[in-house]
C-alpha atoms as a PDB file:
ATOM      1  CA  UNK A   1       0.062  -0.067   0.208  1.00  0.00           C
ATOM      2  CA  UNK A   2       1.523   3.341  -1.159  1.00  0.00           C
ATOM      3  CA  UNK A   3       0.636   6.809   0.203  1.00  0.00           C
ATOM      4  CA  UNK A   4       0.912   9.466  -2.609  1.00  0.00           C
ATOM      5  CA  UNK A   5       1.953  12.760  -1.151  1.00  0.00           C
ATOM      6  CA  UNK A   6       5.336  12.724   0.085  1.00  0.00           C
ATOM      7  CA  UNK A   7       5.981   9.059  -1.005  1.00  0.00           C
ATOM      8  CA  UNK A   8       5.430   8.993  -4.744  1.00  0.00           C
ATOM      9  CA  UNK A   9       5.047  12.883  -5.468  1.00  0.00           C
ATOM     10  CA  UNK A  10       6.816  15.704  -3.921  1.00  0.00           C
ATOM     11  CA  UNK A  11       3.779  17.550  -3.270  1.00  0.00           C
ATOM     12  CA  UNK A  12       3.857  18.760   0.196  1.00  0.00           C
ATOM     13  CA  UNK A  13       5.929  21.895  -0.868  1.00  0.00           C
ATOM     14  CA  UNK A  14       3.290  22.499  -3.387  1.00  0.00           C
ATOM     15  CA  UNK A  15       0.443  21.930  -1.158  1.00  0.00           C
ATOM     16  CA  UNK A  16       2.142  24.387   1.497  1.00  0.00           C
ATOM     17  CA  UNK A  17       2.657  27.100  -0.992  1.00  0.00           C
ATOM     18  CA  UNK A  18      -0.772  26.797  -2.498  1.00  0.00           C
ATOM     19  CA  UNK A  19      -2.603  26.812   0.964  1.00  0.00           C
ATOM     20  CA  UNK A  20      -0.368  29.277   2.546  1.00  0.00           C
ATOM     21  CA  UNK A  21      -1.094  31.793  -0.356  1.00  0.00           C
ATOM     22  CA  UNK A  22      -4.848  30.791  -0.223  1.00  0.00           C
ATOM     23  CA  UNK A  23      -5.040  31.578   3.532  1.00  0.00           C
ATOM     24  CA  UNK A  24      -3.327  34.944   3.135  1.00  0.00           C
ATOM     25  CA  UNK A  25      -5.189  36.065   0.205  1.00  0.00           C
ATOM     26  CA  UNK A  26      -8.633  35.240   1.874  1.00  0.00           C
ATOM     27  CA  UNK A  27      -8.121  36.906   5.114  1.00  0.00           C
ATOM     28  CA  UNK A  28      -6.679  33.936   7.339  1.00  0.00           C
ATOM     29  CA  UNK A  29      -3.549  33.526   9.683  1.00  0.00           C
ATOM     30  CA  UNK A  30      -1.144  30.769   8.831  1.00  0.00           C
ATOM     31  CA  UNK A  31       0.223  29.343  12.097  1.00  0.00           C
ATOM     32  CA  UNK A  32       3.533  27.713  12.816  1.00  0.00           C
ATOM     33  CA  UNK A  33       2.230  24.383  13.069  1.00  0.00           C
ATOM     34  CA  UNK A  34      -0.373  24.497  10.280  1.00  0.00           C
ATOM     35  CA  UNK A  35       1.402  22.579   7.626  1.00  0.00           C
ATOM     36  CA  UNK A  36       2.319  19.457   9.948  1.00  0.00           C
ATOM     37  CA  UNK A  37      -1.201  19.474  11.321  1.00  0.00           C
ATOM     38  CA  UNK A  38      -2.731  19.580   7.585  1.00  0.00           C
ATOM     39  CA  UNK A  39      -0.533  16.614   6.387  1.00  0.00           C
ATOM     40  CA  UNK A  40      -2.923  13.547   6.379  1.00  0.00           C
ATOM     41  CA  UNK A  41      -6.252  15.389   6.745  1.00  0.00           C
ATOM     42  CA  UNK A  42      -8.779  14.459   4.212  1.00  0.00           C
ATOM     43  CA  UNK A  43     -10.112  17.382   1.954  1.00  0.00           C
ATOM     44  CA  UNK A  44     -13.070  17.991   4.287  1.00  0.00           C
ATOM     45  CA  UNK A  45     -10.932  18.174   7.310  1.00  0.00           C
ATOM     46  CA  UNK A  46      -8.317  20.585   5.888  1.00  0.00           C
ATOM     47  CA  UNK A  47     -10.829  22.882   4.348  1.00  0.00           C
ATOM     48  CA  UNK A  48     -12.654  23.064   7.712  1.00  0.00           C
ATOM     49  CA  UNK A  49      -9.415  23.910   9.500  1.00  0.00           C
ATOM     50  CA  UNK A  50      -8.267  26.483   6.991  1.00  0.00           C
ATOM     51  CA  UNK A  51     -11.845  28.122   7.558  1.00  0.00           C
ATOM     52  CA  UNK A  52     -10.900  28.184  11.428  1.00  0.00           C
ATOM     53  CA  UNK A  53      -7.881  30.084  10.633  1.00  0.00           C
ATOM     54  CA  UNK A  54     -10.096  33.029   9.530  1.00  0.00           C
ATOM     55  CA  UNK A  55     -10.512  32.427   5.872  1.00  0.00           C
ATOM     56  CA  UNK A  56     -13.432  34.238   4.516  1.00  0.00           C
ATOM     57  CA  UNK A  57     -15.129  31.268   2.576  1.00  0.00           C
ATOM     58  CA  UNK A  58     -16.924  28.428   3.356  1.00  0.00           C
ATOM     59  CA  UNK A  59     -15.019  25.042   3.777  1.00  0.00           C
ATOM     60  CA  UNK A  60     -16.554  23.770   0.201  1.00  0.00           C
ATOM     61  CA  UNK A  61     -15.497  26.996  -1.264  1.00  0.00           C
ATOM     62  CA  UNK A  62     -12.075  26.516   0.209  1.00  0.00           C
ATOM     63  CA  UNK A  63     -11.812  23.085  -1.046  1.00  0.00           C
ATOM     64  CA  UNK A  64     -12.692  24.112  -4.429  1.00  0.00           C
ATOM     65  CA  UNK A  65     -10.315  26.871  -4.901  1.00  0.00           C
ATOM     66  CA  UNK A  66      -7.284  24.926  -3.419  1.00  0.00           C
ATOM     67  CA  UNK A  67      -7.872  21.782  -5.349  1.00  0.00           C
ATOM     68  CA  UNK A  68      -8.530  23.634  -8.643  1.00  0.00           C
ATOM     69  CA  UNK A  69      -5.064  25.376  -8.133  1.00  0.00           C
ATOM     70  CA  UNK A  70      -3.305  22.186  -7.361  1.00  0.00           C
ATOM     71  CA  UNK A  71      -4.608  20.552 -10.485  1.00  0.00           C
ATOM     72  CA  UNK A  72      -3.395  23.494 -12.382  1.00  0.00           C
ATOM     73  CA  UNK A  73       0.026  23.048 -11.057  1.00  0.00           C
ATOM     74  CA  UNK A  74      -0.036  19.309 -11.786  1.00  0.00           C
ATOM     75  CA  UNK A  75      -1.195  19.648 -15.192  1.00  0.00           C
ATOM     76  CA  UNK A  76       1.929  21.910 -15.789  1.00  0.00           C
ATOM     77  CA  UNK A  77       4.346  19.453 -14.094  1.00  0.00           C
ATOM     78  CA  UNK A  78       3.858  16.546 -11.608  1.00  0.00           C
ATOM     79  CA  UNK A  79       6.813  16.946  -8.925  1.00  0.00           C
ATOM     80  CA  UNK A  80       7.557  13.113  -8.645  1.00  0.00           C
ATOM     81  CA  UNK A  81       9.864  11.761  -6.061  1.00  0.00           C
ATOM     82  CA  UNK A  82      12.994  10.488  -7.114  1.00  0.00           C
ATOM     83  CA  UNK A  83      12.660   6.706  -8.111  1.00  0.00           C
ATOM     84  CA  UNK A  84       8.753   6.749  -7.739  1.00  0.00           C
ATOM     85  CA  UNK A  85       8.043   5.554 -11.359  1.00  0.00           C
ATOM     86  CA  UNK A  86      10.720   2.940 -11.408  1.00  0.00           C
ATOM     87  CA  UNK A  87       9.993   1.765  -7.987  1.00  0.00           C
ATOM     88  CA  UNK A  88       6.120   1.257  -8.517  1.00  0.00           C
ATOM     89  CA  UNK A  89       6.721  -0.348 -11.963  1.00  0.00           C
ATOM     90  CA  UNK A  90       9.303  -2.785 -10.514  1.00  0.00           C
ATOM     91  CA  UNK A  91       7.047  -3.905  -7.629  1.00  0.00           C
ATOM     92  CA  UNK A  92       3.990  -4.076  -9.821  1.00  0.00           C
ATOM     93  CA  UNK A  93       5.660  -7.008 -11.467  1.00  0.00           C
ATOM     94  CA  UNK A  94       5.626  -9.301  -8.424  1.00  0.00           C
ATOM     95  CA  UNK A  95       3.188  -7.916  -5.889  1.00  0.00           C
ATOM     96  CA  UNK A  96      -0.404  -6.322  -5.955  1.00  0.00           C
ATOM     97  CA  UNK A  97      -0.244  -2.812  -5.199  1.00  0.00           C
ATOM     98  CA  UNK A  98      -3.008  -0.240  -3.462  1.00  0.00           C
ATOM     99  CA  UNK A  99      -2.919   3.486  -2.770  1.00  0.00           C
ATOM    100  CA  UNK A 100      -4.514   5.129   0.389  1.00  0.00           C
ATOM    101  CA  UNK A 101      -4.094   9.007  -0.226  1.00  0.00           C
ATOM    102  CA  UNK A 102      -5.469  12.119   1.501  1.00  0.00           C
ATOM    103  CA  UNK A 103      -5.409  13.720  -1.768  1.00  0.00           C
ATOM    104  CA  UNK A 104      -8.947  14.073  -3.385  1.00  0.00           C
ATOM    105  CA  UNK A 105      -9.902  11.809  -6.034  1.00  0.00           C
ATOM    106  CA  UNK A 106      -9.163  14.334  -8.958  1.00  0.00           C
ATOM    107  CA  UNK A 107      -5.584  14.862  -7.952  1.00  0.00           C
ATOM    108  CA  UNK A 108      -4.712  11.280  -7.456  1.00  0.00           C
ATOM    109  CA  UNK A 109      -6.188  10.574 -11.050  1.00  0.00           C
ATOM    110  CA  UNK A 110      -4.254  13.459 -12.474  1.00  0.00           C
ATOM    111  CA  UNK A 111      -0.918  12.374 -10.924  1.00  0.00           C
ATOM    112  CA  UNK A 112      -1.292   8.570 -11.779  1.00  0.00           C
ATOM    113  CA  UNK A 113      -2.368   9.455 -15.383  1.00  0.00           C
ATOM    114  CA  UNK A 114       0.415  11.744 -15.877  1.00  0.00           C
ATOM    115  CA  UNK A 115       3.260   9.426 -14.501  1.00  0.00           C
ATOM    116  CA  UNK A 116       1.903   6.488 -16.336  1.00  0.00           C
ATOM    117  CA  UNK A 117       1.167   4.499 -13.272  1.00  0.00           C
ATOM    118  CA  UNK A 118      -2.633   3.972 -13.204  1.00  0.00           C
ATOM    119  CA  UNK A 119      -2.538   0.504 -14.327  1.00  0.00           C
ATOM    120  CA  UNK A 120      -0.039  -0.334 -11.706  1.00  0.00           C
ATOM    121  CA  UNK A 121      -2.643  -0.146  -8.863  1.00  0.00           C
ATOM    122  CA  UNK A 122      -5.178  -2.618  -8.210  1.00  0.00           C
ATOM    123  CA  UNK A 123      -7.126  -0.216  -5.946  1.00  0.00           C
ATOM    124  CA  UNK A 124      -6.772   3.513  -5.108  1.00  0.00           C
ATOM    125  CA  UNK A 125      -8.736   5.275  -2.171  1.00  0.00           C
ATOM    126  CA  UNK A 126      -8.942   8.804  -1.610  1.00  0.00           C
ATOM    127  CA  UNK A 127      -9.951   9.732   2.085  1.00  0.00           C
ATOM    128  CA  UNK A 128     -12.782  11.915   0.578  1.00  0.00           C
ATOM    129  CA  UNK A 129     -14.401   8.204   0.049  1.00  0.00           C
ATOM    130  CA  UNK A 130     -14.188   7.104   3.838  1.00  0.00           C
ATOM    131  CA  UNK A 131     -15.408   8.735   6.978  1.00  0.00           C
ATOM    132  CA  UNK A 132     -12.188   9.751   8.564  1.00  0.00           C
ATOM    133  CA  UNK A 133      -8.898  11.081   7.131  1.00  0.00           C
ATOM    134  CA  UNK A 134      -5.497   9.986   8.346  1.00  0.00           C
ATOM    135  CA  UNK A 135      -4.536   9.514  11.297  1.00  0.00           C
ATOM    136  CA  UNK A 136      -7.610   7.243  11.395  1.00  0.00           C
ATOM    137  CA  UNK A 137      -7.175   3.985   9.596  1.00  0.00           C
ATOM    138  CA  UNK A 138     -10.315   4.258   7.395  1.00  0.00           C
ATOM    139  CA  UNK A 139      -8.431   5.015   4.074  1.00  0.00           C
ATOM    140  CA  UNK A 140      -6.019   1.858   4.420  1.00  0.00           C
ATOM    141  CA  UNK A 141      -8.665  -0.422   5.643  1.00  0.00           C
ATOM    142  CA  UNK A 142     -10.879   0.541   2.580  1.00  0.00           C
ATOM    143  CA  UNK A 143      -8.117  -0.015   0.170  1.00  0.00           C
ATOM    144  CA  UNK A 144      -7.433  -3.382   1.756  1.00  0.00           C
ATOM    145  CA  UNK A 145     -11.339  -4.201   1.465  1.00  0.00           C
ATOM    146  CA  UNK A 146     -11.221  -3.312  -2.236  1.00  0.00           C
ATOM    147  CA  UNK A 147      -8.316  -5.551  -2.818  1.00  0.00           C
ATOM    148  CA  UNK A 148      -9.991  -8.417  -0.741  1.00  0.00           C
ATOM    149  CA  UNK A 149      -6.985  -8.986   1.390  1.00  0.00           C
ATOM    150  CA  UNK A 150      -6.547  -8.991   5.226  1.00  0.00           C
ATOM    151  CA  UNK A 151      -4.954  -5.556   6.322  1.00  0.00           C
ATOM    152  CA  UNK A 152      -2.483  -7.450   8.463  1.00  0.00           C
ATOM    153  CA  UNK A 153      -1.097  -8.993   5.552  1.00  0.00           C
ATOM    154  CA  UNK A 154      -0.335  -5.581   3.975  1.00  0.00           C
ATOM    155  CA  UNK A 155       2.618  -3.454   4.070  1.00  0.00           C
ATOM    156  CA  UNK A 156       2.225   0.139   4.029  1.00  0.00           C
ATOM    157  CA  UNK A 157       4.780   2.747   2.633  1.00  0.00           C
ATOM    158  CA  UNK A 158       4.402   6.245   4.453  1.00  0.00           C
ATOM    159  CA  UNK A 159       6.223   9.368   5.174  1.00  0.00           C
ATOM    160  CA  UNK A 160       4.264  11.588   7.426  1.00  0.00           C
ATOM    161  CA  UNK A 161       3.350  11.247  11.057  1.00  0.00           C
ATOM    162  CA  UNK A 162      -0.485  11.027  10.381  1.00  0.00           C
ATOM    163  CA  UNK A 163       0.210   8.591   7.515  1.00  0.00           C
ATOM    164  CA  UNK A 164       2.270   6.192   9.758  1.00  0.00           C
ATOM    165  CA  UNK A 165      -0.256   6.381  12.485  1.00  0.00           C
ATOM    166  CA  UNK A 166      -2.949   5.722  10.056  1.00  0.00           C
ATOM    167  CA  UNK A 167      -1.255   2.543   8.746  1.00  0.00           C
ATOM    168  CA  UNK A 168      -0.368   1.154  11.949  1.00  0.00           C
ATOM    169  CA  UNK A 169      -3.898   1.648  13.300  1.00  0.00           C
ATOM    170  CA  UNK A 170      -5.160  -0.434  10.400  1.00  0.00           C
ATOM    171  CA  UNK A 171      -2.894  -3.322  11.710  1.00  0.00           C
ATOM    172  CA  UNK A 172      -0.470  -2.999   8.442  1.00  0.00           C
ATOM    173  CA  UNK A 173       3.379  -3.400   8.683  1.00  0.00           C
ATOM    174  CA  UNK A 174       4.686   0.057   8.052  1.00  0.00           C
ATOM    175  CA  UNK A 175       7.671   1.133   6.237  1.00  0.00           C
ATOM    176  CA  UNK A 176       8.826   4.807   6.387  1.00  0.00           C
ATOM    177  CA  UNK A 177      10.435   6.656   3.707  1.00  0.00           C
ATOM    178  CA  UNK A 178      10.574  10.171   5.611  1.00  0.00           C
ATOM    179  CA  UNK A 179      10.241  13.376   3.353  1.00  0.00           C
ATOM    180  CA  UNK A 180      13.676  15.290   4.135  1.00  0.00           C
ATOM    181  CA  UNK A 181      11.838  18.689   4.553  1.00  0.00           C
ATOM    182  CA  UNK A 182       8.813  17.346   6.428  1.00  0.00           C
ATOM    183  CA  UNK A 183      10.198  14.573   8.911  1.00  0.00           C
ATOM    184  CA  UNK A 184       7.682  12.713  10.973  1.00  0.00           C
ATOM    185  CA  UNK A 185       7.478  12.967  14.659  1.00  0.00           C
ATOM    186  CA  UNK A 186       9.684  10.496  16.703  1.00  0.00           C
ATOM    187  CA  UNK A 187       6.701   8.779  18.107  1.00  0.00           C
ATOM    188  CA  UNK A 188       5.241   8.318  14.733  1.00  0.00           C
ATOM    189  CA  UNK A 189       8.432   7.018  13.202  1.00  0.00           C
ATOM    190  CA  UNK A 190       8.760   4.564  15.862  1.00  0.00           C
ATOM    191  CA  UNK A 191       5.718   2.655  14.542  1.00  0.00           C
ATOM    192  CA  UNK A 192       7.521   1.893  11.495  1.00  0.00           C
ATOM    193  CA  UNK A 193       9.186  -1.607  11.192  1.00  0.00           C
ATOM    194  CA  UNK A 194      11.820  -0.210   8.809  1.00  0.00           C
ATOM    195  CA  UNK A 195      13.005   3.222   7.846  1.00  0.00           C
ATOM    196  CA  UNK A 196      14.347   3.804   4.420  1.00  0.00           C
ATOM    197  CA  UNK A 197      16.473   6.513   2.904  1.00  0.00           C
ATOM    198  CA  UNK A 198      14.644   6.444  -0.496  1.00  0.00           C
ATOM    199  CA  UNK A 199      12.346   4.503  -2.687  1.00  0.00           C
ATOM    200  CA  UNK A 200      15.151   2.677  -4.377  1.00  0.00           C
ATOM    201  CA  UNK A 201      15.670   0.750  -1.164  1.00  0.00           C
ATOM    202  CA  UNK A 202      12.241  -0.823  -1.292  1.00  0.00           C
ATOM    203  CA  UNK A 203      12.610  -4.234  -2.603  1.00  0.00           C
ATOM    204  CA  UNK A 204      10.304  -7.100  -2.914  1.00  0.00           C
ATOM    205  CA  UNK A 205      12.453  -9.008  -0.477  1.00  0.00           C
ATOM    206  CA  UNK A 206      12.103  -6.108   2.205  1.00  0.00           C
ATOM    207  CA  UNK A 207       8.189  -6.371   1.764  1.00  0.00           C
ATOM    208  CA  UNK A 208       8.269  -9.844   2.749  1.00  0.00           C
ATOM    209  CA  UNK A 209      10.473  -9.375   5.806  1.00  0.00           C
ATOM    210  CA  UNK A 210       8.868  -9.202   9.111  1.00  0.00           C
ATOM    211  CA  UNK A 211      11.219  -6.710  10.481  1.00  0.00           C
END
């Protein structure tokens, strides 16, 4: 099971730039911990949170405005993480892949299509499609359900604190590939069975290893 933002796509800097500018443009105040709090939230959750920062639009309007700007940025260029395409295609040859992302469905589809990876994933889930976003386990549990597999037999690849907590809460074995700019909290990183420096280090042998 892959996460998308921060694992396959170097999107967190783009998300931060777009949302920070959107908050400032519409009368809100960005807080020092805002970016770390937003990572892993579902669309509904982060839109409501930005509204609470003083943005003078409804959460629905905030979500539409930010997602439209993100989609426009992605259509210009998808900032893939080093090794993302090669790793996904390599693993796809021998294991079944799923994806559980906090991104809205629109952005998931844009990214996977642009990267030529759509066919590599047997199931993809946006936390828009479940009740709760990360750190709740809902997205990962739904991805496992769509694949018809026991979550406890899945391995999740995550980067963020909320993502690591989500996958662990779903009962999955967790491999962390921390983003250098947005490292996870120590307590969240401790939930990972392995911590890798990059995607190139992710092998089928490692996926089958219990520790």
